[in-house]
Amino acid sequence: MKKSYFLTGGLLALTGAVLFFKNRPAIPKGLQAIPHFDKKKYLGKWYEIARLNYRFERGLYRTTAAYSLNEDGSIRVENRGYERSSGKVKVAVGKARFRGSDTEAALEVSFFGPFYAGYNVIAIDPEYKYALVAGRSLDYLWLLSREPSMPEDVKRHYLAIAHNAGFPVKELVWVEQQYPN
């Protein structure tokens, strides 16, 4: 009898957690994901130029993200970076899916089973060489480039967008893409 109450309680708690995370906003208020998005042009390797630091990337340098298409239409995400303390590579593989139409850059990504987080491309150049990506809140922001660097005018433009949206741009970590001396 106690087992069934424990199991039922656990299932209810898990269901509540899933509904809580599923119903949370997936993009910060006032922002919009790019509406005319070409997912095929977005696929491939991106270098992380800057980010708001969070625990999974803390202490990493030479960070990249590689996106490829899965057979089911979702996107395979492979994040890679090197640990500052050991120099060892750290890899996380996940799956991204569109929250609506695959022509709007509003996705959700998961590295942990049923739990998804917002992934929103909020600015991108016409050639898909530079991107500004926001998470579900003002705590998650990335500047990405197809090359290990980004032109200063593009940085300034993306920083202005982020600042005007309320992101704490002074807290950005500028990612070292070269091997440290």
Protein backbone atom coordinates (compact mmCIF):
# COMPACT_ATOMS: atom_id res chain seq x y z
CA MET A 1 0.00 0.00 0.00
CA LYS A 2 2.77 2.45 0.93
CA LYS A 3 4.54 1.67 -2.34
CA SER A 4 1.53 2.67 -4.41
CA TYR A 5 1.18 6.00 -2.54
CA PHE A 6 4.89 6.64 -3.02
CA LEU A 7 4.71 5.77 -6.72
CA THR A 8 1.57 7.84 -7.26
CA GLY A 9 3.10 10.79 -5.42
CA GLY A 10 6.28 10.50 -7.47
CA LEU A 11 4.36 10.37 -10.73
CA LEU A 12 2.28 13.39 -9.73
CA ALA A 13 5.42 15.33 -8.82
CA LEU A 14 7.07 14.41 -12.14
CA THR A 15 3.94 15.36 -14.07
CA GLY A 16 3.78 18.68 -12.22
CA ALA A 17 7.44 19.39 -12.98
CA VAL A 18 6.99 18.57 -16.67
CA LEU A 19 3.90 20.81 -16.91
CA PHE A 20 5.68 23.60 -15.03
CA PHE A 21 8.66 23.59 -17.38
CA LYS A 22 6.51 23.05 -20.48
CA ASN A 23 4.31 26.03 -19.68
CA ARG A 24 7.12 28.44 -18.81
CA PRO A 25 7.78 31.14 -21.38
CA ALA A 26 10.35 29.96 -23.90
CA ILE A 27 11.54 33.44 -24.88
CA PRO A 28 12.03 36.62 -22.84
CA LYS A 29 9.09 39.03 -22.88
CA GLY A 30 9.26 41.53 -25.72
CA LEU A 31 11.55 39.44 -27.93
CA GLN A 32 10.63 37.59 -31.08
CA ALA A 33 12.44 34.77 -32.82
CA ILE A 34 13.41 35.34 -36.46
CA PRO A 35 10.19 34.73 -38.45
CA HIS A 36 11.67 33.77 -41.85
CA PHE A 37 14.23 31.19 -40.78
CA ASP A 38 16.01 28.69 -43.01
CA LYS A 39 16.98 25.76 -40.82
CA LYS A 40 19.18 24.21 -43.53
CA LYS A 41 21.29 27.37 -43.71
CA TYR A 42 21.62 27.34 -39.91
CA LEU A 43 22.99 23.79 -39.75
CA GLY A 44 26.73 23.29 -39.35
CA LYS A 45 29.39 24.52 -36.97
CA TRP A 46 29.18 27.76 -34.99
CA TYR A 47 31.83 29.30 -32.73
CA GLU A 48 30.72 30.82 -29.47
CA ILE A 49 32.02 34.39 -29.38
CA ALA A 50 30.37 35.45 -26.12
CA ARG A 51 27.87 34.09 -23.63
CA LEU A 52 26.20 34.79 -20.36
CA ASN A 53 27.94 32.26 -18.17
CA TYR A 54 25.98 29.44 -16.63
CA ARG A 55 27.05 26.29 -14.86
CA PHE A 56 27.29 23.91 -17.83
CA GLU A 57 29.74 26.15 -19.69
CA ARG A 58 31.56 27.75 -16.78
CA GLY A 59 35.32 27.56 -17.29
CA LEU A 60 35.12 26.43 -20.91
CA TYR A 61 37.00 27.97 -23.81
CA ARG A 62 37.09 27.17 -27.55
CA THR A 63 33.38 26.39 -27.32
CA THR A 64 31.45 25.46 -30.43
CA ALA A 65 28.01 24.19 -31.35
CA ALA A 66 27.37 21.89 -34.30
CA TYR A 67 23.86 21.39 -35.64
CA SER A 68 22.76 18.60 -37.98
CA LEU A 69 19.41 17.22 -39.06
CA ASN A 70 18.06 14.04 -37.44
CA GLU A 71 15.93 11.62 -39.46
CA ASP A 72 12.80 12.65 -37.53
CA GLY A 73 13.23 16.32 -38.53
CA SER A 74 14.61 17.41 -35.17
CA ILE A 75 18.07 18.90 -34.93
CA ARG A 76 21.05 17.17 -33.34
CA VAL A 77 23.00 19.57 -31.14
CA GLU A 78 26.60 18.91 -30.19
CA ASN A 79 28.16 21.44 -27.86
CA ARG A 80 31.89 21.17 -27.36
CA GLY A 81 34.36 23.08 -25.24
CA TYR A 82 37.64 22.68 -23.41
CA GLU A 83 37.94 22.83 -19.65
CA ARG A 84 40.23 25.60 -18.51
CA SER A 85 41.58 23.59 -15.57
CA SER A 86 42.47 20.37 -17.41
CA GLY A 87 42.37 21.21 -21.12
CA LYS A 88 40.11 18.20 -21.64
CA VAL A 89 37.25 18.36 -24.09
CA LYS A 90 33.72 18.43 -22.71
CA VAL A 91 30.92 17.38 -25.08
CA ALA A 92 27.16 17.54 -24.61
CA VAL A 93 24.81 16.08 -27.21
CA GLY A 94 21.16 17.05 -27.29
CA LYS A 95 18.14 17.47 -29.50
CA ALA A 96 16.36 20.62 -30.61
CA ARG A 97 12.87 20.86 -32.02
CA PHE A 98 10.77 23.71 -33.30
CA ARG A 99 8.06 24.98 -30.97
CA GLY A 100 5.88 25.78 -33.98
CA SER A 101 6.70 26.19 -37.65
CA ASP A 102 10.22 25.26 -38.76
CA THR A 103 10.39 28.61 -40.55
CA GLU A 104 10.42 30.50 -37.24
CA ALA A 105 13.65 30.36 -35.21
CA ALA A 106 11.80 29.48 -31.99
CA LEU A 107 13.14 26.16 -30.79
CA GLU A 108 13.52 24.22 -27.62
CA VAL A 109 16.55 22.09 -26.82
CA SER A 110 17.05 19.20 -24.45
CA PHE A 111 20.16 17.57 -23.11
CA PHE A 112 18.24 15.86 -20.29
CA GLY A 113 15.36 13.71 -21.51
CA PRO A 114 11.93 15.29 -21.31
CA PHE A 115 13.12 18.71 -20.09
CA TYR A 116 13.46 21.35 -22.80
CA ALA A 117 14.71 24.92 -22.63
CA GLY A 118 14.10 27.81 -24.99
CA TYR A 119 16.52 28.41 -27.86
CA ASN A 120 15.62 31.45 -29.95
CA VAL A 121 17.57 33.03 -32.77
CA ILE A 122 16.68 36.70 -32.31
CA ALA A 123 19.12 38.17 -34.86
CA ILE A 124 20.95 36.71 -37.83
CA ASP A 125 22.64 38.17 -40.88
CA PRO A 126 21.36 37.30 -44.39
CA GLU A 127 24.29 34.93 -45.07
CA TYR A 128 23.83 33.06 -41.76
CA LYS A 129 27.37 33.89 -40.67
CA TYR A 130 26.52 35.58 -37.34
CA ALA A 131 23.69 34.92 -34.89
CA LEU A 132 22.35 36.25 -31.62
CA VAL A 133 20.60 33.55 -29.59
CA ALA A 134 18.46 33.96 -26.47
CA GLY A 135 17.23 31.35 -24.05
CA ARG A 136 13.94 31.40 -22.17
CA SER A 137 15.01 34.25 -19.90
CA LEU A 138 17.45 37.14 -19.71
CA ASP A 139 19.95 34.74 -18.10
CA TYR A 140 20.81 33.00 -21.39
CA LEU A 141 22.44 34.72 -24.36
CA TRP A 142 24.99 33.70 -26.98
CA LEU A 143 26.78 35.50 -29.80
CA LEU A 144 27.70 32.96 -32.47
CA SER A 145 29.85 33.11 -35.59
CA ARG A 146 30.83 30.71 -38.36
CA GLU A 147 34.44 31.81 -37.77
CA PRO A 148 36.36 32.00 -34.46
CA SER A 149 35.88 35.78 -34.44
CA MET A 150 33.18 38.32 -35.18
CA PRO A 151 33.57 41.75 -36.82
CA GLU A 152 33.34 44.66 -34.37
CA ASP A 153 30.37 46.25 -36.16
CA VAL A 154 28.38 43.01 -35.89
CA LYS A 155 29.30 42.71 -32.19
CA ARG A 156 28.17 46.29 -31.53
CA HIS A 157 24.90 45.71 -33.39
CA TYR A 158 24.10 42.48 -31.51
CA LEU A 159 25.13 43.98 -28.17
CA ALA A 160 22.77 46.91 -28.78
CA ILE A 161 19.91 44.49 -29.50
CA ALA A 162 20.70 42.53 -26.34
CA HIS A 163 21.09 45.65 -24.19
CA ASN A 164 17.80 47.11 -25.43
CA ALA A 165 16.08 43.82 -24.59
CA GLY A 166 17.38 43.98 -21.01
CA PHE A 167 20.18 41.42 -21.11
CA PRO A 168 23.08 42.16 -18.71
CA VAL A 169 25.62 42.57 -21.54
CA LYS A 170 28.36 43.75 -19.15
CA GLU A 171 28.31 40.23 -17.70
CA LEU A 172 29.08 38.54 -21.03
CA VAL A 173 32.02 36.16 -21.06
CA TRP A 174 34.10 36.67 -24.20
CA VAL A 175 35.13 33.19 -25.25
CA GLU A 176 38.77 32.52 -26.02
CA GLN A 177 38.78 30.59 -29.29
CA GLN A 178 42.57 30.17 -29.53
CA TYR A 179 44.68 27.80 -27.48
CA PRO A 180 45.88 29.63 -24.37
CA ASN A 181 49.62 30.24 -24.06
